[in-house]
């Protein structure tokens, strides 16, 4: 048992050091998704709340696409381990729709930050009979855009 102690100590330190070097994922910054839409998230405050803007690359309306505001919150639980879950709402400036996103911020095998999201888009309809066609669902993957200098 005495001979195993140094080995276990080295093993523990090696595994512990690996855990310390794990990169944390940060929502703050500029992102682009798989459809070419751009999103900017400003500073996340101490409560996990954040705001920003979203410029979609796609739309089901013929209206001119405009930059739209977003507001959200980040889960601040210590169990998130640097890869937090979050949610945000985009209130479209150019249509009568609203979209809610939920997802998680990951650091992939190459050390790059990725946002994996699922969304619900709710469009206005004229009557309850049209409710069946008012909500769409989808997924998007966002990657960080390089910082502008």
N, C-alpha and C. Protein backbone atom coordinates (compact mmCIF):
# COMPACT_ATOMS: atom_id res chain seq x y z
N UNK A 1 0.83 -1.20 0.00
CA UNK A 1 0.00 0.00 0.00
C UNK A 1 0.86 1.25 0.00
N UNK A 2 1.98 1.23 0.70
CA UNK A 2 2.86 2.39 0.76
C UNK A 2 3.43 2.69 -0.62
N UNK A 3 3.77 1.66 -1.41
CA UNK A 3 4.32 1.87 -2.74
C UNK A 3 3.27 2.41 -3.70
N UNK A 4 2.02 2.10 -3.51
CA UNK A 4 0.95 2.56 -4.38
C UNK A 4 0.63 4.03 -4.14
N UNK A 5 0.93 4.54 -2.95
CA UNK A 5 0.59 5.93 -2.61
C UNK A 5 1.20 6.95 -3.56
N UNK A 6 2.52 6.90 -3.89
CA UNK A 6 3.07 7.88 -4.84
C UNK A 6 2.40 7.79 -6.22
N UNK A 7 2.13 6.57 -6.66
CA UNK A 7 1.47 6.39 -7.95
C UNK A 7 0.08 7.03 -7.95
N UNK A 8 -0.69 6.78 -6.91
CA UNK A 8 -2.03 7.36 -6.81
C UNK A 8 -1.96 8.88 -6.73
N UNK A 9 -0.97 9.40 -6.02
CA UNK A 9 -0.82 10.85 -5.91
C UNK A 9 -0.52 11.46 -7.28
N UNK A 10 0.39 10.86 -8.03
CA UNK A 10 0.72 11.36 -9.37
C UNK A 10 -0.51 11.27 -10.29
N UNK A 11 -1.23 10.15 -10.22
CA UNK A 11 -2.43 9.97 -11.03
C UNK A 11 -3.48 11.03 -10.69
N UNK A 12 -3.70 11.24 -9.41
CA UNK A 12 -4.66 12.26 -8.96
C UNK A 12 -4.28 13.64 -9.45
N UNK A 13 -3.02 14.01 -9.33
CA UNK A 13 -2.56 15.32 -9.77
C UNK A 13 -2.69 15.47 -11.29
N UNK A 14 -2.38 14.42 -12.02
CA UNK A 14 -2.50 14.47 -13.49
C UNK A 14 -3.94 14.65 -13.91
N UNK A 15 -4.84 13.91 -13.31
CA UNK A 15 -6.26 14.04 -13.64
C UNK A 15 -6.81 15.38 -13.18
N UNK A 16 -6.39 15.84 -12.03
CA UNK A 16 -6.84 17.13 -11.52
C UNK A 16 -6.34 18.28 -12.37
N UNK A 17 -5.11 18.21 -12.83
CA UNK A 17 -4.54 19.26 -13.68
C UNK A 17 -5.27 19.33 -15.00
N UNK A 18 -5.67 18.17 -15.54
CA UNK A 18 -6.43 18.16 -16.79
C UNK A 18 -7.75 18.90 -16.61
N UNK A 19 -8.43 18.67 -15.48
CA UNK A 19 -9.69 19.34 -15.21
C UNK A 19 -9.54 20.85 -15.08
N UNK A 20 -8.38 21.32 -14.61
CA UNK A 20 -8.16 22.75 -14.45
C UNK A 20 -7.93 23.44 -15.78
N UNK A 21 -7.47 22.70 -16.79
CA UNK A 21 -7.14 23.31 -18.06
C UNK A 21 -8.32 23.37 -19.02
N UNK A 22 -9.49 22.90 -18.60
CA UNK A 22 -10.65 22.91 -19.46
C UNK A 22 -11.07 24.35 -19.74
N UNK A 23 -11.21 24.68 -21.03
CA UNK A 23 -11.61 26.02 -21.43
C UNK A 23 -13.10 26.22 -21.15
N UNK A 24 -13.43 27.39 -20.63
CA UNK A 24 -14.81 27.72 -20.36
C UNK A 24 -15.42 28.40 -21.58
N UNK A 25 -16.68 28.16 -21.80
CA UNK A 25 -17.41 28.75 -22.92
C UNK A 25 -18.09 30.03 -22.45
N UNK A 26 -17.91 31.10 -23.20
CA UNK A 26 -18.47 32.41 -22.87
C UNK A 26 -19.45 32.84 -23.96
N UNK A 27 -20.65 33.26 -23.56
CA UNK A 27 -21.64 33.72 -24.55
C UNK A 27 -21.30 35.08 -25.14
N UNK A 28 -20.59 35.90 -24.41
CA UNK A 28 -20.31 37.27 -24.84
C UNK A 28 -19.52 37.27 -26.15
N UNK A 29 -19.98 38.08 -27.10
CA UNK A 29 -19.26 38.22 -28.37
C UNK A 29 -20.15 38.10 -29.58
N UNK A 30 -19.50 37.89 -30.73
CA UNK A 30 -20.19 37.82 -32.02
C UNK A 30 -20.22 36.37 -32.51
N UNK A 31 -21.39 35.95 -33.00
CA UNK A 31 -21.61 34.58 -33.42
C UNK A 31 -22.26 34.53 -34.80
N UNK A 32 -22.05 33.45 -35.53
CA UNK A 32 -22.72 33.21 -36.80
C UNK A 32 -23.27 31.78 -36.76
N UNK A 33 -24.47 31.59 -37.33
CA UNK A 33 -25.02 30.23 -37.31
C UNK A 33 -24.90 29.57 -38.69
N UNK A 34 -25.38 28.34 -38.76
CA UNK A 34 -25.27 27.52 -39.96
C UNK A 34 -26.05 28.08 -41.15
N UNK A 35 -26.95 29.04 -40.93
CA UNK A 35 -27.69 29.67 -42.02
C UNK A 35 -27.12 31.04 -42.40
N UNK A 36 -26.08 31.48 -41.68
CA UNK A 36 -25.46 32.77 -41.96
C UNK A 36 -26.01 33.93 -41.16
N UNK A 37 -26.88 33.67 -40.21
CA UNK A 37 -27.40 34.72 -39.34
C UNK A 37 -26.33 35.13 -38.33
N UNK A 38 -26.30 36.42 -37.99
CA UNK A 38 -25.30 36.96 -37.05
C UNK A 38 -25.97 37.41 -35.76
N UNK A 39 -25.29 37.15 -34.66
CA UNK A 39 -25.79 37.52 -33.36
C UNK A 39 -24.65 38.11 -32.54
N UNK A 40 -24.96 39.16 -31.80
CA UNK A 40 -24.00 39.76 -30.88
C UNK A 40 -24.60 39.74 -29.48
N UNK A 41 -23.87 39.17 -28.53
CA UNK A 41 -24.30 39.15 -27.14
C UNK A 41 -23.36 40.05 -26.35
N UNK A 42 -23.97 41.02 -25.68
CA UNK A 42 -23.19 41.95 -24.87
C UNK A 42 -22.84 41.27 -23.54
N UNK A 43 -22.29 42.01 -22.63
CA UNK A 43 -21.84 41.49 -21.34
C UNK A 43 -22.96 40.77 -20.59
N UNK A 44 -22.62 39.64 -20.01
CA UNK A 44 -23.54 38.90 -19.14
C UNK A 44 -23.34 39.43 -17.72
N UNK A 45 -24.43 39.91 -17.09
CA UNK A 45 -24.28 40.50 -15.76
C UNK A 45 -24.19 39.42 -14.67
N UNK A 46 -24.05 39.85 -13.43
CA UNK A 46 -23.85 38.94 -12.30
C UNK A 46 -25.03 37.98 -12.10
N UNK A 47 -26.23 38.40 -12.53
CA UNK A 47 -27.41 37.54 -12.41
C UNK A 47 -27.54 36.57 -13.58
N UNK A 48 -26.69 36.74 -14.60
CA UNK A 48 -26.76 35.90 -15.79
C UNK A 48 -27.58 36.50 -16.92
N UNK A 49 -28.08 37.71 -16.73
CA UNK A 49 -28.90 38.36 -17.75
C UNK A 49 -28.01 39.00 -18.82
N UNK A 50 -28.48 38.98 -20.05
CA UNK A 50 -27.73 39.61 -21.14
C UNK A 50 -28.68 40.16 -22.20
N UNK A 51 -28.15 41.01 -23.04
CA UNK A 51 -28.90 41.59 -24.16
C UNK A 51 -27.97 41.62 -25.36
N UNK A 52 -28.54 41.87 -26.50
CA UNK A 52 -27.73 41.94 -27.71
C UNK A 52 -28.60 42.19 -28.92
N UNK A 53 -28.09 41.78 -30.07
CA UNK A 53 -28.81 41.97 -31.32
C UNK A 53 -28.68 40.74 -32.21
N UNK A 54 -29.65 40.59 -33.10
CA UNK A 54 -29.69 39.43 -33.99
C UNK A 54 -30.03 39.94 -35.39
N UNK A 55 -29.24 39.53 -36.37
CA UNK A 55 -29.51 39.87 -37.77
C UNK A 55 -29.67 38.57 -38.53
N UNK A 56 -30.94 38.22 -38.81
CA UNK A 56 -31.21 36.94 -39.46
C UNK A 56 -30.85 36.98 -40.94
N UNK A 57 -30.43 35.86 -41.45
CA UNK A 57 -30.13 35.73 -42.87
C UNK A 57 -31.32 35.14 -43.63
N UNK A 58 -32.32 34.68 -42.90
CA UNK A 58 -33.49 34.03 -43.52
C UNK A 58 -34.77 34.59 -42.93
N UNK A 59 -35.81 34.59 -43.75
CA UNK A 59 -37.11 35.08 -43.29
C UNK A 59 -38.20 34.54 -44.19
N UNK A 60 -39.38 34.29 -43.59
CA UNK A 60 -40.53 33.84 -44.36
C UNK A 60 -41.38 35.02 -44.83
N UNK A 61 -41.02 36.22 -44.43
CA UNK A 61 -41.77 37.41 -44.84
C UNK A 61 -41.05 38.12 -45.98
N UNK A 62 -41.80 38.91 -46.72
CA UNK A 62 -41.19 39.68 -47.81
C UNK A 62 -40.68 41.04 -47.31
N UNK A 63 -40.88 41.33 -46.03
CA UNK A 63 -40.40 42.58 -45.45
C UNK A 63 -38.87 42.63 -45.46
N UNK A 64 -38.34 43.84 -45.49
CA UNK A 64 -36.89 44.01 -45.40
C UNK A 64 -36.41 43.55 -44.03
N UNK A 65 -35.39 42.71 -44.03
CA UNK A 65 -34.83 42.20 -42.77
C UNK A 65 -34.09 43.33 -42.06
N UNK A 66 -34.37 43.46 -40.76
CA UNK A 66 -33.72 44.50 -39.95
C UNK A 66 -33.09 43.87 -38.71
N UNK A 67 -32.08 44.54 -38.19
CA UNK A 67 -31.45 44.13 -36.94
C UNK A 67 -32.51 44.11 -35.84
N UNK A 68 -32.54 43.05 -35.04
CA UNK A 68 -33.57 42.89 -34.02
C UNK A 68 -32.94 42.66 -32.65
N UNK A 69 -33.60 43.17 -31.59
CA UNK A 69 -33.04 43.02 -30.24
C UNK A 69 -33.26 41.62 -29.67
N UNK A 70 -32.33 41.22 -28.82
CA UNK A 70 -32.50 39.96 -28.10
C UNK A 70 -32.23 40.21 -26.62
N UNK A 71 -32.91 39.42 -25.78
CA UNK A 71 -32.71 39.45 -24.32
C UNK A 71 -32.72 38.02 -23.84
N UNK A 72 -31.82 37.74 -22.88
CA UNK A 72 -31.76 36.38 -22.40
C UNK A 72 -31.16 36.24 -21.03
N UNK A 73 -31.01 35.00 -20.63
CA UNK A 73 -30.43 34.69 -19.34
C UNK A 73 -29.59 33.41 -19.45
N UNK A 74 -28.56 33.38 -18.63
CA UNK A 74 -27.60 32.28 -18.57
C UNK A 74 -27.76 31.59 -17.24
N UNK A 75 -27.78 30.28 -17.23
CA UNK A 75 -27.86 29.53 -15.97
C UNK A 75 -26.53 29.70 -15.22
N UNK A 76 -26.59 30.19 -13.99
CA UNK A 76 -25.38 30.48 -13.22
C UNK A 76 -25.03 29.39 -12.21
N UNK A 77 -25.66 28.24 -12.27
CA UNK A 77 -25.40 27.15 -11.33
C UNK A 77 -23.95 26.69 -11.41
N UNK A 78 -23.33 26.37 -10.28
CA UNK A 78 -21.96 25.87 -10.30
C UNK A 78 -21.84 24.52 -11.01
N UNK A 79 -22.95 23.83 -11.22
CA UNK A 79 -22.93 22.53 -11.91
C UNK A 79 -22.74 22.67 -13.42
N UNK A 80 -22.74 23.89 -13.94
CA UNK A 80 -22.61 24.11 -15.38
C UNK A 80 -21.21 23.81 -15.88
N UNK A 81 -20.19 23.86 -15.03
CA UNK A 81 -18.82 23.47 -15.34
C UNK A 81 -18.25 24.12 -16.60
N UNK A 82 -18.52 25.41 -16.77
CA UNK A 82 -17.93 26.15 -17.88
C UNK A 82 -18.60 25.95 -19.22
N UNK A 83 -19.69 25.19 -19.25
CA UNK A 83 -20.44 24.97 -20.49
C UNK A 83 -21.92 25.22 -20.18
N UNK A 84 -22.27 26.49 -20.00
CA UNK A 84 -23.58 26.85 -19.46
C UNK A 84 -24.75 26.67 -20.43
N UNK A 85 -25.92 26.44 -19.83
CA UNK A 85 -27.17 26.47 -20.57
C UNK A 85 -27.70 27.90 -20.54
N UNK A 86 -28.52 28.25 -21.53
CA UNK A 86 -29.02 29.61 -21.65
C UNK A 86 -30.32 29.61 -22.45
N UNK A 87 -30.98 30.77 -22.42
CA UNK A 87 -32.16 30.99 -23.25
C UNK A 87 -32.24 32.46 -23.59
N UNK A 88 -32.78 32.77 -24.77
CA UNK A 88 -32.99 34.17 -25.14
C UNK A 88 -34.16 34.30 -26.10
N UNK A 89 -34.70 35.49 -26.15
CA UNK A 89 -35.83 35.82 -27.02
C UNK A 89 -35.41 36.88 -28.02
N UNK A 90 -35.80 36.70 -29.27
CA UNK A 90 -35.59 37.71 -30.30
C UNK A 90 -36.96 38.26 -30.68
N UNK A 91 -37.14 39.57 -30.49
CA UNK A 91 -38.36 40.26 -30.87
C UNK A 91 -38.11 40.90 -32.23
N UNK A 92 -38.57 40.25 -33.30
CA UNK A 92 -38.25 40.67 -34.66
C UNK A 92 -38.76 42.07 -34.96
N UNK A 93 -37.86 42.95 -35.40
CA UNK A 93 -38.18 44.35 -35.68
C UNK A 93 -38.93 44.55 -36.98
N UNK A 94 -38.97 43.54 -37.83
CA UNK A 94 -39.52 43.70 -39.18
C UNK A 94 -40.74 42.82 -39.45
N UNK A 95 -41.20 42.09 -38.42
CA UNK A 95 -42.37 41.23 -38.61
C UNK A 95 -43.15 41.14 -37.30
N UNK A 96 -44.27 40.43 -37.35
CA UNK A 96 -45.10 40.27 -36.15
C UNK A 96 -44.85 38.90 -35.51
N UNK A 97 -43.59 38.52 -35.49
CA UNK A 97 -43.18 37.23 -34.92
C UNK A 97 -42.20 37.43 -33.77
N UNK A 98 -42.05 36.38 -33.00
CA UNK A 98 -41.08 36.37 -31.91
C UNK A 98 -40.48 34.96 -31.85
N UNK A 99 -39.20 34.87 -31.52
CA UNK A 99 -38.54 33.56 -31.44
C UNK A 99 -37.85 33.40 -30.09
N UNK A 100 -38.00 32.23 -29.50
CA UNK A 100 -37.28 31.89 -28.29
C UNK A 100 -36.27 30.80 -28.61
N UNK A 101 -35.05 30.99 -28.12
CA UNK A 101 -33.98 30.02 -28.31
C UNK A 101 -33.59 29.46 -26.95
N UNK A 102 -33.22 28.20 -26.90
CA UNK A 102 -32.63 27.61 -25.71
C UNK A 102 -31.46 26.75 -26.17
N UNK A 103 -30.42 26.69 -25.35
CA UNK A 103 -29.28 25.91 -25.79
C UNK A 103 -28.20 25.79 -24.74
N UNK A 104 -27.04 25.35 -25.22
CA UNK A 104 -25.89 25.20 -24.33
C UNK A 104 -24.64 25.64 -25.08
N UNK A 105 -23.74 26.26 -24.34
CA UNK A 105 -22.46 26.73 -24.85
C UNK A 105 -21.42 25.65 -24.58
N UNK A 106 -20.83 25.11 -25.64
CA UNK A 106 -19.84 24.03 -25.52
C UNK A 106 -18.48 24.49 -26.00
N UNK A 107 -17.45 23.81 -25.52
CA UNK A 107 -16.11 23.91 -26.09
C UNK A 107 -15.85 22.56 -26.73
N UNK A 108 -15.63 22.55 -28.08
CA UNK A 108 -15.46 21.28 -28.78
C UNK A 108 -14.05 20.71 -28.59
N UNK A 109 -13.78 19.60 -29.25
CA UNK A 109 -12.51 18.89 -29.12
C UNK A 109 -11.32 19.73 -29.56
N UNK A 110 -11.56 20.70 -30.47
CA UNK A 110 -10.50 21.57 -30.97
C UNK A 110 -10.34 22.84 -30.14
N UNK A 111 -11.12 22.96 -29.05
CA UNK A 111 -11.04 24.14 -28.19
C UNK A 111 -11.88 25.31 -28.69
N UNK A 112 -12.74 25.08 -29.69
CA UNK A 112 -13.58 26.15 -30.24
C UNK A 112 -14.94 26.14 -29.55
N UNK A 113 -15.45 27.36 -29.30
CA UNK A 113 -16.75 27.50 -28.66
C UNK A 113 -17.87 27.32 -29.69
N UNK A 114 -18.90 26.59 -29.29
CA UNK A 114 -20.04 26.30 -30.15
C UNK A 114 -21.31 26.45 -29.32
N UNK A 115 -22.32 27.11 -29.89
CA UNK A 115 -23.63 27.20 -29.25
C UNK A 115 -24.58 26.25 -29.99
N UNK A 116 -25.08 25.26 -29.29
CA UNK A 116 -26.06 24.34 -29.86
C UNK A 116 -27.42 24.82 -29.35
N UNK A 117 -28.33 25.16 -30.28
CA UNK A 117 -29.62 25.74 -29.89
C UNK A 117 -30.79 25.04 -30.56
N UNK A 118 -31.94 25.19 -29.92
CA UNK A 118 -33.23 24.83 -30.49
C UNK A 118 -34.12 26.05 -30.33
N UNK A 119 -35.00 26.29 -31.32
CA UNK A 119 -35.83 27.48 -31.26
C UNK A 119 -37.28 27.18 -31.61
N UNK A 120 -38.15 28.08 -31.11
CA UNK A 120 -39.57 28.12 -31.49
C UNK A 120 -39.85 29.51 -32.02
N UNK A 121 -40.38 29.60 -33.23
CA UNK A 121 -40.78 30.88 -33.80
C UNK A 121 -42.30 30.93 -33.83
N UNK A 122 -42.86 31.96 -33.21
CA UNK A 122 -44.31 32.13 -33.18
C UNK A 122 -44.69 33.31 -34.05
N UNK A 123 -45.52 33.05 -35.05
CA UNK A 123 -46.03 34.10 -35.93
C UNK A 123 -47.46 34.43 -35.54
N UNK A 124 -47.83 35.67 -35.78
CA UNK A 124 -49.20 36.10 -35.53
C UNK A 124 -50.12 35.47 -36.58
N UNK A 125 -51.27 34.99 -36.14
CA UNK A 125 -52.31 34.52 -37.06
C UNK A 125 -53.60 35.24 -36.72
N UNK A 126 -54.52 35.28 -37.67
CA UNK A 126 -55.75 36.06 -37.52
C UNK A 126 -56.81 35.41 -36.64
N UNK A 127 -56.77 34.09 -36.50
CA UNK A 127 -57.80 33.43 -35.69
C UNK A 127 -57.26 32.15 -35.07
N UNK A 128 -57.99 31.66 -34.09
CA UNK A 128 -57.59 30.42 -33.42
C UNK A 128 -57.62 29.24 -34.38
N UNK A 129 -58.44 29.33 -35.42
CA UNK A 129 -58.49 28.26 -36.41
C UNK A 129 -57.16 28.12 -37.16
N UNK A 130 -56.38 29.18 -37.20
CA UNK A 130 -55.08 29.15 -37.87
C UNK A 130 -53.93 28.88 -36.92
N UNK A 131 -54.25 28.63 -35.67
CA UNK A 131 -53.20 28.40 -34.66
C UNK A 131 -52.27 27.25 -35.04
N UNK A 132 -52.78 26.27 -35.72
CA UNK A 132 -52.00 25.09 -36.08
C UNK A 132 -50.76 25.42 -36.89
N UNK A 133 -50.78 26.52 -37.61
CA UNK A 133 -49.64 26.86 -38.49
C UNK A 133 -48.79 28.02 -37.96
N UNK A 134 -49.02 28.41 -36.71
CA UNK A 134 -48.39 29.62 -36.19
C UNK A 134 -47.02 29.40 -35.56
N UNK A 135 -46.65 28.17 -35.23
CA UNK A 135 -45.39 27.93 -34.53
C UNK A 135 -44.50 27.00 -35.35
N UNK A 136 -43.26 27.43 -35.51
CA UNK A 136 -42.25 26.62 -36.19
C UNK A 136 -41.17 26.27 -35.18
N UNK A 137 -40.48 25.17 -35.44
CA UNK A 137 -39.42 24.73 -34.56
C UNK A 137 -38.20 24.38 -35.40
N UNK A 138 -37.02 24.63 -34.83
CA UNK A 138 -35.80 24.31 -35.56
C UNK A 138 -34.59 24.27 -34.65
N UNK A 139 -33.45 24.00 -35.25
CA UNK A 139 -32.19 23.99 -34.52
C UNK A 139 -31.18 24.84 -35.27
N UNK A 140 -30.25 25.41 -34.55
CA UNK A 140 -29.12 26.14 -35.13
C UNK A 140 -27.87 25.86 -34.33
N UNK A 141 -26.75 25.86 -35.03
CA UNK A 141 -25.44 25.75 -34.41
C UNK A 141 -24.70 27.04 -34.71
N UNK A 142 -24.24 27.72 -33.67
CA UNK A 142 -23.51 28.97 -33.79
C UNK A 142 -22.02 28.75 -33.50
N UNK A 143 -21.18 29.41 -34.26
CA UNK A 143 -19.74 29.42 -33.99
C UNK A 143 -19.30 30.87 -33.81
N UNK A 144 -18.25 31.04 -33.05
CA UNK A 144 -17.78 32.40 -32.74
C UNK A 144 -17.15 33.04 -33.97
N UNK A 145 -17.50 34.31 -34.20
CA UNK A 145 -16.85 35.10 -35.23
C UNK A 145 -15.57 35.70 -34.67
N UNK A 146 -14.55 35.88 -35.50
CA UNK A 146 -13.32 36.52 -35.00
C UNK A 146 -13.61 37.93 -34.51
N UNK A 147 -12.86 38.37 -33.52
CA UNK A 147 -13.05 39.72 -32.99
C UNK A 147 -12.58 40.74 -34.02
N UNK A 148 -13.32 41.84 -34.10
CA UNK A 148 -12.96 42.91 -35.01
C UNK A 148 -11.89 43.78 -34.36
N UNK A 149 -10.89 44.14 -35.13
CA UNK A 149 -9.82 44.98 -34.58
C UNK A 149 -9.87 46.36 -35.14
